PDB file of N, CA and C in Angstrom:
ATOM      1  N   MET A   1     214.999 257.393 243.228  1.00  0.00           N
ATOM      2  CA  MET A   1     215.247 258.682 242.587  1.00  0.00           C
ATOM      3  C   MET A   1     215.995 258.365 241.286  1.00  0.00           C
ATOM      4  N   GLU A   2     215.530 258.959 240.256  1.00  0.00           N
ATOM      5  CA  GLU A   2     216.147 258.791 238.915  1.00  0.00           C
ATOM      6  C   GLU A   2     217.155 259.943 238.686  1.00  0.00           C
ATOM      7  N   ILE A   3     218.396 259.623 238.427  1.00  0.00           N
ATOM      8  CA  ILE A   3     219.364 260.618 238.126  1.00  0.00           C
ATOM      9  C   ILE A   3     219.618 260.726 236.624  1.00  0.00           C
ATOM     10  N   ASN A   4     220.053 261.855 236.191  1.00  0.00           N
ATOM     11  CA  ASN A   4     220.441 262.021 234.784  1.00  0.00           C
ATOM     12  C   ASN A   4     221.903 261.644 234.696  1.00  0.00           C
ATOM     13  N   LYS A   5     222.213 260.552 233.986  1.00  0.00           N
ATOM     14  CA  LYS A   5     223.555 259.982 233.917  1.00  0.00           C
ATOM     15  C   LYS A   5     224.552 261.021 233.357  1.00  0.00           C
ATOM     16  N   GLN A   6     224.144 261.740 232.319  1.00  0.00           N
ATOM     17  CA  GLN A   6     225.083 262.698 231.727  1.00  0.00           C
ATOM     18  C   GLN A   6     225.378 263.845 232.729  1.00  0.00           C
ATOM     19  N   GLU A   7     224.405 264.362 233.394  1.00  0.00           N
ATOM     20  CA  GLU A   7     224.623 265.420 234.409  1.00  0.00           C
ATOM     21  C   GLU A   7     225.487 264.857 235.547  1.00  0.00           C
ATOM     22  N   PHE A   8     225.114 263.651 235.990  1.00  0.00           N
ATOM     23  CA  PHE A   8     225.890 263.001 237.091  1.00  0.00           C
ATOM     24  C   PHE A   8     227.349 262.877 236.691  1.00  0.00           C
ATOM     25  N   ASP A   9     227.590 262.349 235.491  1.00  0.00           N
ATOM     26  CA  ASP A   9     229.014 262.193 234.989  1.00  0.00           C
ATOM     27  C   ASP A   9     229.708 263.535 234.955  1.00  0.00           C
ATOM     28  N   THR A  10     229.056 264.562 234.548  1.00  0.00           N
ATOM     29  CA  THR A  10     229.650 265.909 234.495  1.00  0.00           C
ATOM     30  C   THR A  10     230.087 266.333 235.924  1.00  0.00           C
ATOM     31  N   TRP A  11     229.262 265.999 236.932  1.00  0.00           N
ATOM     32  CA  TRP A  11     229.583 266.297 238.317  1.00  0.00           C
ATOM     33  C   TRP A  11     230.811 265.485 238.736  1.00  0.00           C
ATOM     34  N   MET A  12     230.851 264.177 238.416  1.00  0.00           N
ATOM     35  CA  MET A  12     231.935 263.320 238.828  1.00  0.00           C
ATOM     36  C   MET A  12     233.250 263.855 238.221  1.00  0.00           C
ATOM     37  N   ILE A  13     233.215 264.186 236.955  1.00  0.00           N
ATOM     38  CA  ILE A  13     234.399 264.704 236.309  1.00  0.00           C
ATOM     39  C   ILE A  13     234.875 266.010 236.974  1.00  0.00           C
ATOM     40  N   ALA A  14     233.944 266.862 237.275  1.00  0.00           N
ATOM     41  CA  ALA A  14     234.313 268.129 237.953  1.00  0.00           C
ATOM     42  C   ALA A  14     234.913 267.856 239.340  1.00  0.00           C
ATOM     43  N   LEU A  15     234.348 266.908 240.105  1.00  0.00           N
ATOM     44  CA  LEU A  15     234.872 266.568 241.444  1.00  0.00           C
ATOM     45  C   LEU A  15     236.358 266.109 241.311  1.00  0.00           C
ATOM     46  N   ARG A  16     236.623 265.335 240.287  1.00  0.00           N
ATOM     47  CA  ARG A  16     237.949 264.737 240.098  1.00  0.00           C
ATOM     48  C   ARG A  16     238.938 265.637 239.353  1.00  0.00           C
ATOM     49  N   SER A  17     238.466 266.763 238.864  1.00  0.00           N
ATOM     50  CA  SER A  17     239.269 267.590 237.980  1.00  0.00           C
ATOM     51  C   SER A  17     240.346 268.393 238.635  1.00  0.00           C
ATOM     52  N   SER A  18     240.307 268.574 239.908  1.00  0.00           N
ATOM     53  CA  SER A  18     241.168 269.467 240.673  1.00  0.00           C
ATOM     54  C   SER A  18     240.985 270.950 240.306  1.00  0.00           C
ATOM     55  N   LYS A  19     239.949 271.232 239.555  1.00  0.00           N
ATOM     56  CA  LYS A  19     239.585 272.598 239.222  1.00  0.00           C
ATOM     57  C   LYS A  19     238.977 273.322 240.400  1.00  0.00           C
ATOM     58  N   PHE A  20     238.353 272.564 241.299  1.00  0.00           N
ATOM     59  CA  PHE A  20     237.646 273.130 242.438  1.00  0.00           C
ATOM     60  C   PHE A  20     238.374 272.807 243.706  1.00  0.00           C
ATOM     61  N   GLU A  21     238.685 273.808 244.488  1.00  0.00           N
ATOM     62  CA  GLU A  21     239.304 273.592 245.808  1.00  0.00           C
ATOM     63  C   GLU A  21     238.198 273.185 246.751  1.00  0.00           C
ATOM     64  N   GLN A  22     238.500 272.206 247.594  1.00  0.00           N
ATOM     65  CA  GLN A  22     237.470 271.706 248.507  1.00  0.00           C
ATOM     66  C   GLN A  22     237.343 272.585 249.755  1.00  0.00           C
ATOM     67  N   GLY A  23     236.148 273.020 250.009  1.00  0.00           N
ATOM     68  CA  GLY A  23     235.794 273.874 251.155  1.00  0.00           C
ATOM     69  C   GLY A  23     234.893 273.142 252.091  1.00  0.00           C
ATOM     70  N   ARG A  24     234.492 273.742 253.148  1.00  0.00           N
ATOM     71  CA  ARG A  24     233.648 273.103 254.179  1.00  0.00           C
ATOM     72  C   ARG A  24     232.541 274.066 254.640  1.00  0.00           C
ATOM     73  N   GLY A  25     231.354 273.442 254.984  1.00  0.00           N
ATOM     74  CA  GLY A  25     230.341 274.195 255.681  1.00  0.00           C
ATOM     75  C   GLY A  25     229.246 274.805 254.791  1.00  0.00           C
ATOM     76  N   MET A  26     229.543 275.178 253.638  1.00  0.00           N
ATOM     77  CA  MET A  26     228.574 275.847 252.682  1.00  0.00           C
ATOM     78  C   MET A  26     228.795 275.346 251.331  1.00  0.00           C
ATOM     79  N   LEU A  27     227.909 275.624 250.413  1.00  0.00           N
ATOM     80  CA  LEU A  27     228.088 275.247 249.010  1.00  0.00           C
ATOM     81  C   LEU A  27     229.346 275.818 248.517  1.00  0.00           C
ATOM     82  N   GLN A  28     229.627 277.083 248.863  1.00  0.00           N
ATOM     83  CA  GLN A  28     230.865 277.737 248.455  1.00  0.00           C
ATOM     84  C   GLN A  28     231.280 278.731 249.570  1.00  0.00           C
ATOM     85  N   THR A  29     232.553 278.722 249.889  1.00  0.00           N
ATOM     86  CA  THR A  29     233.129 279.698 250.759  1.00  0.00           C
ATOM     87  C   THR A  29     234.299 280.371 250.032  1.00  0.00           C
ATOM     88  N   GLN A  30     234.969 281.274 250.671  1.00  0.00           N
ATOM     89  CA  GLN A  30     236.142 281.888 250.080  1.00  0.00           C
ATOM     90  C   GLN A  30     237.246 280.894 249.891  1.00  0.00           C
ATOM     91  N   ASN A  31     237.205 279.746 250.645  1.00  0.00           N
ATOM     92  CA  ASN A  31     238.222 278.761 250.595  1.00  0.00           C
ATOM     93  C   ASN A  31     237.911 277.667 249.569  1.00  0.00           C
ATOM     94  N   GLY A  32     236.723 277.588 249.107  1.00  0.00           N
ATOM     95  CA  GLY A  32     236.410 276.540 248.085  1.00  0.00           C
ATOM     96  C   GLY A  32     234.924 276.074 248.152  1.00  0.00           C
ATOM     97  N   PHE A  33     234.709 274.918 247.600  1.00  0.00           N
ATOM     98  CA  PHE A  33     233.363 274.368 247.442  1.00  0.00           C
ATOM     99  C   PHE A  33     233.202 273.067 248.213  1.00  0.00           C
ATOM    100  N   CYS A  34     231.972 272.786 248.633  1.00  0.00           N
ATOM    101  CA  CYS A  34     231.702 271.462 249.084  1.00  0.00           C
ATOM    102  C   CYS A  34     231.331 270.634 247.908  1.00  0.00           C
ATOM    103  N   CYS A  35     231.227 269.307 248.061  1.00  0.00           N
ATOM    104  CA  CYS A  35     230.938 268.449 246.902  1.00  0.00           C
ATOM    105  C   CYS A  35     229.613 268.830 246.226  1.00  0.00           C
ATOM    106  N   LEU A  36     228.613 269.270 247.044  1.00  0.00           N
ATOM    107  CA  LEU A  36     227.328 269.696 246.444  1.00  0.00           C
ATOM    108  C   LEU A  36     227.456 271.077 245.789  1.00  0.00           C
ATOM    109  N   GLY A  37     228.297 271.885 246.247  1.00  0.00           N
ATOM    110  CA  GLY A  37     228.563 273.164 245.601  1.00  0.00           C
ATOM    111  C   GLY A  37     229.149 273.026 244.220  1.00  0.00           C
ATOM    112  N   VAL A  38     230.049 271.995 244.092  1.00  0.00           N
ATOM    113  CA  VAL A  38     230.617 271.748 242.746  1.00  0.00           C
ATOM    114  C   VAL A  38     229.521 271.334 241.811  1.00  0.00           C
ATOM    115  N   ALA A  39     228.567 270.509 242.252  1.00  0.00           N
ATOM    116  CA  ALA A  39     227.446 270.116 241.408  1.00  0.00           C
ATOM    117  C   ALA A  39     226.661 271.342 241.007  1.00  0.00           C
ATOM    118  N   CYS A  40     226.323 272.197 241.925  1.00  0.00           N
ATOM    119  CA  CYS A  40     225.577 273.415 241.606  1.00  0.00           C
ATOM    120  C   CYS A  40     226.312 274.247 240.600  1.00  0.00           C
ATOM    121  N   LYS A  41     227.606 274.407 240.787  1.00  0.00           N
ATOM    122  CA  LYS A  41     228.429 275.247 239.909  1.00  0.00           C
ATOM    123  C   LYS A  41     228.456 274.752 238.474  1.00  0.00           C
ATOM    124  N   VAL A  42     228.566 273.454 238.280  1.00  0.00           N
ATOM    125  CA  VAL A  42     228.674 272.882 236.929  1.00  0.00           C
ATOM    126  C   VAL A  42     227.334 272.558 236.308  1.00  0.00           C
ATOM    127  N   LEU A  43     226.311 272.305 237.092  1.00  0.00           N
ATOM    128  CA  LEU A  43     225.054 271.935 236.552  1.00  0.00           C
ATOM    129  C   LEU A  43     223.973 272.987 236.493  1.00  0.00           C
ATOM    130  N   VAL A  44     224.141 274.036 237.321  1.00  0.00           N
ATOM    131  CA  VAL A  44     223.166 275.116 237.379  1.00  0.00           C
ATOM    132  C   VAL A  44     223.871 276.446 237.267  1.00  0.00           C
ATOM    133  N   PRO A  45     224.230 276.838 236.044  1.00  0.00           N
ATOM    134  CA  PRO A  45     225.019 278.033 235.869  1.00  0.00           C
ATOM    135  C   PRO A  45     224.347 279.319 236.436  1.00  0.00           C
ATOM    136  N   ASP A  46     223.019 279.352 236.524  1.00  0.00           N
ATOM    137  CA  ASP A  46     222.331 280.492 237.022  1.00  0.00           C
ATOM    138  C   ASP A  46     221.944 280.392 238.501  1.00  0.00           C
ATOM    139  N   TYR A  47     222.648 279.492 239.254  1.00  0.00           N
ATOM    140  CA  TYR A  47     222.255 279.255 240.616  1.00  0.00           C
ATOM    141  C   TYR A  47     222.449 280.566 241.392  1.00  0.00           C
ATOM    142  N   GLU A  48     221.506 280.839 242.300  1.00  0.00           N
ATOM    143  CA  GLU A  48     221.522 282.079 243.024  1.00  0.00           C
ATOM    144  C   GLU A  48     222.808 282.294 243.784  1.00  0.00           C
ATOM    145  N   THR A  49     223.374 283.452 243.666  1.00  0.00           N
ATOM    146  CA  THR A  49     224.629 283.790 244.355  1.00  0.00           C
ATOM    147  C   THR A  49     224.512 285.065 245.108  1.00  0.00           C
ATOM    148  N   SER A  50     225.402 285.233 246.014  1.00  0.00           N
ATOM    149  CA  SER A  50     225.518 286.501 246.758  1.00  0.00           C
ATOM    150  C   SER A  50     226.980 286.921 246.619  1.00  0.00           C
ATOM    151  N   GLY A  51     227.218 287.987 245.956  1.00  0.00           N
ATOM    152  CA  GLY A  51     228.570 288.452 245.720  1.00  0.00           C
ATOM    153  C   GLY A  51     229.383 287.449 244.901  1.00  0.00           C
ATOM    154  N   GLY A  52     228.665 286.675 244.022  1.00  0.00           N
ATOM    155  CA  GLY A  52     229.365 285.671 243.204  1.00  0.00           C
ATOM    156  C   GLY A  52     229.604 284.378 243.894  1.00  0.00           C
ATOM    157  N   MET A  53     229.155 284.200 245.121  1.00  0.00           N
ATOM    158  CA  MET A  53     229.338 282.931 245.879  1.00  0.00           C
ATOM    159  C   MET A  53     228.010 282.210 245.937  1.00  0.00           C
ATOM    160  N   LEU A  54     228.033 280.908 245.775  1.00  0.00           N
ATOM    161  CA  LEU A  54     226.821 280.064 245.957  1.00  0.00           C
ATOM    162  C   LEU A  54     226.261 280.215 247.335  1.00  0.00           C
ATOM    163  N   MET A  55     224.966 280.306 247.449  1.00  0.00           N
ATOM    164  CA  MET A  55     224.308 280.491 248.800  1.00  0.00           C
ATOM    165  C   MET A  55     223.834 279.180 249.331  1.00  0.00           C
ATOM    166  N   GLY A  56     223.871 279.011 250.649  1.00  0.00           N
ATOM    167  CA  GLY A  56     223.303 277.889 251.330  1.00  0.00           C
ATOM    168  C   GLY A  56     224.226 276.713 251.575  1.00  0.00           C
ATOM    169  N   ALA A  57     223.713 275.719 252.211  1.00  0.00           N
ATOM    170  CA  ALA A  57     224.467 274.499 252.578  1.00  0.00           C
ATOM    171  C   ALA A  57     224.050 273.317 251.721  1.00  0.00           C
ATOM    172  N   LEU A  58     222.851 273.389 251.144  1.00  0.00           N
ATOM    173  CA  LEU A  58     222.343 272.295 250.303  1.00  0.00           C
ATOM    174  C   LEU A  58     221.730 272.893 249.023  1.00  0.00           C
ATOM    175  N   PRO A  59     221.752 272.093 247.926  1.00  0.00           N
ATOM    176  CA  PRO A  59     221.073 272.556 246.696  1.00  0.00           C
ATOM    177  C   PRO A  59     219.609 272.863 246.956  1.00  0.00           C
ATOM    178  N   LEU A  60     219.146 273.932 246.380  1.00  0.00           N
ATOM    179  CA  LEU A  60     217.751 274.349 246.450  1.00  0.00           C
ATOM    180  C   LEU A  60     217.109 274.297 245.070  1.00  0.00           C
ATOM    181  N   PRO A  61     215.772 274.213 245.039  1.00  0.00           N
ATOM    182  CA  PRO A  61     215.084 274.144 243.782  1.00  0.00           C
ATOM    183  C   PRO A  61     215.018 275.421 242.971  1.00  0.00           C
ATOM    184  N   TYR A  62     216.204 275.929 242.577  1.00  0.00           N
ATOM    185  CA  TYR A  62     216.220 277.105 241.708  1.00  0.00           C
ATOM    186  C   TYR A  62     215.894 276.730 240.291  1.00  0.00           C
ATOM    187  N   SER A  63     215.484 277.702 239.499  1.00  0.00           N
ATOM    188  CA  SER A  63     215.183 277.498 238.142  1.00  0.00           C
ATOM    189  C   SER A  63     216.398 276.895 237.428  1.00  0.00           C
ATOM    190  N   GLY A  64     216.159 275.792 236.776  1.00  0.00           N
ATOM    191  CA  GLY A  64     217.252 275.128 236.038  1.00  0.00           C
ATOM    192  C   GLY A  64     217.986 274.085 236.838  1.00  0.00           C
ATOM    193  N   ALA A  65     217.711 273.955 238.154  1.00  0.00           N
ATOM    194  CA  ALA A  65     218.374 272.921 238.980  1.00  0.00           C
ATOM    195  C   ALA A  65     217.747 271.583 238.661  1.00  0.00           C
ATOM    196  N   PRO A  66     218.494 270.556 238.355  1.00  0.00           N
ATOM    197  CA  PRO A  66     217.950 269.248 238.144  1.00  0.00           C
ATOM    198  C   PRO A  66     217.260 268.767 239.387  1.00  0.00           C
ATOM    199  N   GLU A  67     216.070 268.159 239.209  1.00  0.00           N
ATOM    200  CA  GLU A  67     215.284 267.681 240.333  1.00  0.00           C
ATOM    201  C   GLU A  67     216.084 266.668 241.188  1.00  0.00           C
ATOM    202  N   TRP A  68     216.857 265.780 240.538  1.00  0.00           N
ATOM    203  CA  TRP A  68     217.607 264.794 241.277  1.00  0.00           C
ATOM    204  C   TRP A  68     218.676 265.463 242.163  1.00  0.00           C
ATOM    205  N   LEU A  69     219.230 266.542 241.674  1.00  0.00           N
ATOM    206  CA  LEU A  69     220.283 267.245 242.453  1.00  0.00           C
ATOM    207  C   LEU A  69     219.684 267.878 243.715  1.00  0.00           C
ATOM    208  N   VAL A  70     218.484 268.398 243.634  1.00  0.00           N
ATOM    209  CA  VAL A  70     217.818 269.006 244.787  1.00  0.00           C
ATOM    210  C   VAL A  70     217.606 267.966 245.871  1.00  0.00           C
ATOM    211  N   HIS A  71     217.390 266.714 245.474  1.00  0.00           N
ATOM    212  CA  HIS A  71     217.067 265.640 246.452  1.00  0.00           C
ATOM    213  C   HIS A  71     218.189 264.692 246.752  1.00  0.00           C
ATOM    214  N   ILE A  72     219.339 264.852 246.159  1.00  0.00           N
ATOM    215  CA  ILE A  72     220.391 263.829 246.281  1.00  0.00           C
ATOM    216  C   ILE A  72     220.959 263.719 247.702  1.00  0.00           C
ATOM    217  N   HIS A  73     221.037 264.794 248.431  1.00  0.00           N
ATOM    218  CA  HIS A  73     221.549 264.699 249.795  1.00  0.00           C
ATOM    219  C   HIS A  73     220.696 263.775 250.634  1.00  0.00           C
ATOM    220  N   ASP A  74     219.364 263.956 250.617  1.00  0.00           N
ATOM    221  CA  ASP A  74     218.478 263.097 251.372  1.00  0.00           C
ATOM    222  C   ASP A  74     218.450 261.672 250.848  1.00  0.00           C
ATOM    223  N   ASP A  75     218.436 261.551 249.515  1.00  0.00           N
ATOM    224  CA  ASP A  75     218.408 260.191 248.892  1.00  0.00           C
ATOM    225  C   ASP A  75     219.692 259.420 249.258  1.00  0.00           C
ATOM    226  N   PHE A  76     220.841 260.089 249.175  1.00  0.00           N
ATOM    227  CA  PHE A  76     222.080 259.422 249.538  1.00  0.00           C
ATOM    228  C   PHE A  76     222.078 258.981 250.996  1.00  0.00           C
ATOM    229  N   THR A  77     221.549 259.876 251.863  1.00  0.00           N
ATOM    230  CA  THR A  77     221.440 259.539 253.281  1.00  0.00           C
ATOM    231  C   THR A  77     220.545 258.339 253.484  1.00  0.00           C
ATOM    232  N   ASP A  78     219.410 258.293 252.788  1.00  0.00           N
ATOM    233  CA  ASP A  78     218.491 257.128 252.896  1.00  0.00           C
ATOM    234  C   ASP A  78     219.184 255.823 252.466  1.00  0.00           C
ATOM    235  N   LYS A  79     219.972 255.937 251.433  1.00  0.00           N
ATOM    236  CA  LYS A  79     220.634 254.732 250.908  1.00  0.00           C
ATOM    237  C   LYS A  79     221.798 254.255 251.737  1.00  0.00           C
ATOM    238  N   THR A  80     222.555 255.200 252.355  1.00  0.00           N
ATOM    239  CA  THR A  80     223.825 254.848 252.968  1.00  0.00           C
ATOM    240  C   THR A  80     223.924 255.108 254.462  1.00  0.00           C
ATOM    241  N   ARG A  81     222.936 255.826 254.977  1.00  0.00           N
ATOM    242  CA  ARG A  81     222.943 256.329 256.355  1.00  0.00           C
ATOM    243  C   ARG A  81     224.143 257.304 256.606  1.00  0.00           C
ATOM    244  N   LYS A  82     224.620 257.897 255.523  1.00  0.00           N
ATOM    245  CA  LYS A  82     225.663 258.916 255.597  1.00  0.00           C
ATOM    246  C   LYS A  82     225.192 260.200 254.918  1.00  0.00           C
ATOM    247  N   HIS A  83     225.566 261.309 255.423  1.00  0.00           N
ATOM    248  CA  HIS A  83     225.210 262.579 254.812  1.00  0.00           C
ATOM    249  C   HIS A  83     226.407 263.021 253.910  1.00  0.00           C
ATOM    250  N   LEU A  84     226.077 263.416 252.662  1.00  0.00           N
ATOM    251  CA  LEU A  84     227.157 263.948 251.796  1.00  0.00           C
ATOM    252  C   LEU A  84     227.828 265.171 252.481  1.00  0.00           C
ATOM    253  N   SER A  85     227.034 266.011 253.087  1.00  0.00           N
ATOM    254  CA  SER A  85     227.607 267.178 253.737  1.00  0.00           C
ATOM    255  C   SER A  85     228.575 266.792 254.873  1.00  0.00           C
ATOM    256  N   SER A  86     228.246 265.734 255.602  1.00  0.00           N
ATOM    257  CA  SER A  86     229.141 265.281 256.691  1.00  0.00           C
ATOM    258  C   SER A  86     230.402 264.661 256.133  1.00  0.00           C
ATOM    259  N   LEU A  87     230.269 263.890 255.079  1.00  0.00           N
ATOM    260  CA  LEU A  87     231.448 263.296 254.476  1.00  0.00           C
ATOM    261  C   LEU A  87     232.399 264.382 254.046  1.00  0.00           C
ATOM    262  N   ASN A  88     231.885 265.431 253.425  1.00  0.00           N
ATOM    263  CA  ASN A  88     232.694 266.548 252.975  1.00  0.00           C
ATOM    264  C   ASN A  88     233.187 267.424 254.122  1.00  0.00           C
ATOM    265  N   ASP A  89     232.328 267.764 255.074  1.00  0.00           N
ATOM    266  CA  ASP A  89     232.629 268.794 256.083  1.00  0.00           C
ATOM    267  C   ASP A  89     233.301 268.247 257.325  1.00  0.00           C
ATOM    268  N   LYS A  90     232.847 267.101 257.805  1.00  0.00           N
ATOM    269  CA  LYS A  90     233.271 266.622 259.109  1.00  0.00           C
ATOM    270  C   LYS A  90     234.200 265.358 259.036  1.00  0.00           C
ATOM    271  N   GLU A  91     233.944 264.500 258.082  1.00  0.00           N
ATOM    272  CA  GLU A  91     234.700 263.224 258.025  1.00  0.00           C
ATOM    273  C   GLU A  91     235.946 263.272 257.170  1.00  0.00           C
ATOM    274  N   GLY A  92     236.178 264.439 256.515  1.00  0.00           N
ATOM    275  CA  GLY A  92     237.436 264.628 255.754  1.00  0.00           C
ATOM    276  C   GLY A  92     237.557 263.825 254.485  1.00  0.00           C
ATOM    277  N   PHE A  93     236.458 263.378 253.874  1.00  0.00           N
ATOM    278  CA  PHE A  93     236.567 262.656 252.616  1.00  0.00           C
ATOM    279  C   PHE A  93     237.005 263.663 251.513  1.00  0.00           C
ATOM    280  N   THR A  94     237.837 263.238 250.643  1.00  0.00           N
ATOM    281  CA  THR A  94     238.239 263.999 249.517  1.00  0.00           C
ATOM    282  C   THR A  94     237.147 264.017 248.436  1.00  0.00           C
ATOM    283  N   PHE A  95     237.253 264.883 247.476  1.00  0.00           N
ATOM    284  CA  PHE A  95     236.329 264.867 246.350  1.00  0.00           C
ATOM    285  C   PHE A  95     236.399 263.525 245.608  1.00  0.00           C
ATOM    286  N   ASP A  96     237.569 262.973 245.409  1.00  0.00           N
ATOM    287  CA  ASP A  96     237.746 261.691 244.779  1.00  0.00           C
ATOM    288  C   ASP A  96     237.007 260.586 245.540  1.00  0.00           C
ATOM    289  N   GLU A  97     237.159 260.564 246.824  1.00  0.00           N
ATOM    290  CA  GLU A  97     236.478 259.578 247.671  1.00  0.00           C
ATOM    291  C   GLU A  97     234.986 259.740 247.617  1.00  0.00           C
ATOM    292  N   ILE A  98     234.490 260.947 247.634  1.00  0.00           N
ATOM    293  CA  ILE A  98     233.068 261.195 247.609  1.00  0.00           C
ATOM    294  C   ILE A  98     232.516 260.761 246.210  1.00  0.00           C
ATOM    295  N   ALA A  99     233.278 261.045 245.179  1.00  0.00           N
ATOM    296  CA  ALA A  99     232.839 260.614 243.816  1.00  0.00           C
ATOM    297  C   ALA A  99     232.778 259.078 243.744  1.00  0.00           C
ATOM    298  N   ASP A 100     233.765 258.428 244.282  1.00  0.00           N
ATOM    299  CA  ASP A 100     233.745 256.926 244.338  1.00  0.00           C
ATOM    300  C   ASP A 100     232.482 256.394 245.054  1.00  0.00           C
ATOM    301  N   LEU A 101     232.116 257.002 246.183  1.00  0.00           N
ATOM    302  CA  LEU A 101     230.913 256.612 246.902  1.00  0.00           C
ATOM    303  C   LEU A 101     229.670 256.859 246.100  1.00  0.00           C
ATOM    304  N   LEU A 102     229.584 258.062 245.504  1.00  0.00           N
ATOM    305  CA  LEU A 102     228.398 258.412 244.731  1.00  0.00           C
ATOM    306  C   LEU A 102     228.249 257.423 243.560  1.00  0.00           C
ATOM    307  N   GLU A 103     229.339 257.122 242.884  1.00  0.00           N
ATOM    308  CA  GLU A 103     229.274 256.159 241.755  1.00  0.00           C
ATOM    309  C   GLU A 103     228.874 254.768 242.263  1.00  0.00           C
ATOM    310  N   ALA A 104     229.373 254.361 243.411  1.00  0.00           N
ATOM    311  CA  ALA A 104     229.011 253.077 243.994  1.00  0.00           C
ATOM    312  C   ALA A 104     227.492 252.971 244.223  1.00  0.00           C
ATOM    313  N   VAL A 105     226.928 254.065 244.668  1.00  0.00           N
ATOM    314  CA  VAL A 105     225.518 254.059 244.996  1.00  0.00           C
ATOM    315  C   VAL A 105     224.631 254.249 243.766  1.00  0.00           C
ATOM    316  N   TYR A 106     224.992 255.139 242.892  1.00  0.00           N
ATOM    317  CA  TYR A 106     224.101 255.470 241.768  1.00  0.00           C
ATOM    318  C   TYR A 106     224.435 254.897 240.445  1.00  0.00           C
ATOM    319  N   ILE A 107     225.675 254.511 240.228  1.00  0.00           N
ATOM    320  CA  ILE A 107     226.066 253.891 238.934  1.00  0.00           C
ATOM    321  C   ILE A 107     226.179 252.406 239.088  1.00  0.00           C
ATOM    322  N   TYR A 108     227.004 251.957 240.064  1.00  0.00           N
ATOM    323  CA  TYR A 108     227.215 250.562 240.219  1.00  0.00           C
ATOM    324  C   TYR A 108     226.195 249.925 241.167  1.00  0.00           C
ATOM    325  N   LYS A 109     225.468 250.719 241.868  1.00  0.00           N
ATOM    326  CA  LYS A 109     224.417 250.277 242.803  1.00  0.00           C
ATOM    327  C   LYS A 109     224.929 249.230 243.771  1.00  0.00           C
ATOM    328  N   VAL A 110     226.153 249.428 244.324  1.00  0.00           N
ATOM    329  CA  VAL A 110     226.755 248.519 245.254  1.00  0.00           C
ATOM    330  C   VAL A 110     225.977 248.541 246.577  1.00  0.00           C
ATOM    331  N   LEU A 111     225.618 249.684 247.017  1.00  0.00           N
ATOM    332  CA  LEU A 111     224.853 249.817 248.259  1.00  0.00           C
ATOM    333  C   LEU A 111     223.365 249.973 247.924  1.00  0.00           C
ATOM    334  N   GLU A 112     222.573 249.058 248.435  1.00  0.00           N
ATOM    335  CA  GLU A 112     221.161 249.035 248.087  1.00  0.00           C
ATOM    336  C   GLU A 112     220.389 249.835 249.155  1.00  0.00           C
ATOM    337  N   GLU A 113     219.175 250.296 248.766  1.00  0.00           N
ATOM    338  CA  GLU A 113     218.319 250.968 249.758  1.00  0.00           C
ATOM    339  C   GLU A 113     217.987 250.019 250.868  1.00  0.00           C
ATOM    340  N   ARG A 114     217.963 250.525 252.092  1.00  0.00           N
ATOM    341  CA  ARG A 114     217.603 249.737 253.250  1.00  0.00           C
ATOM    342  C   ARG A 114     216.192 249.915 253.586  1.00  0.00           C
TER     343      ARG A 114
END
């Protein structure tokens, strides 16, 4: 999967910015955002919302959503055997830790496809 480095970097900066409170279970809840919700918020300004909140648990192919973002959850799982949603929701990884892992896989390519 080919990612757009500029969009990816924008996401990494947003994850590390402390502008977004980390939430669990959905792209966005009243308590905050999951790591994928942050990506949707900064990369897809017209992402479908309900009452101003991002809908769903994973990015969907809405108009303007980068193709790589729609598929990154599955691609990351294929490469690492870990789900981004689980790292965020169940395993207690911080946004900084998730950003480090994403960069290791997609920028530094430390973890290779199996």
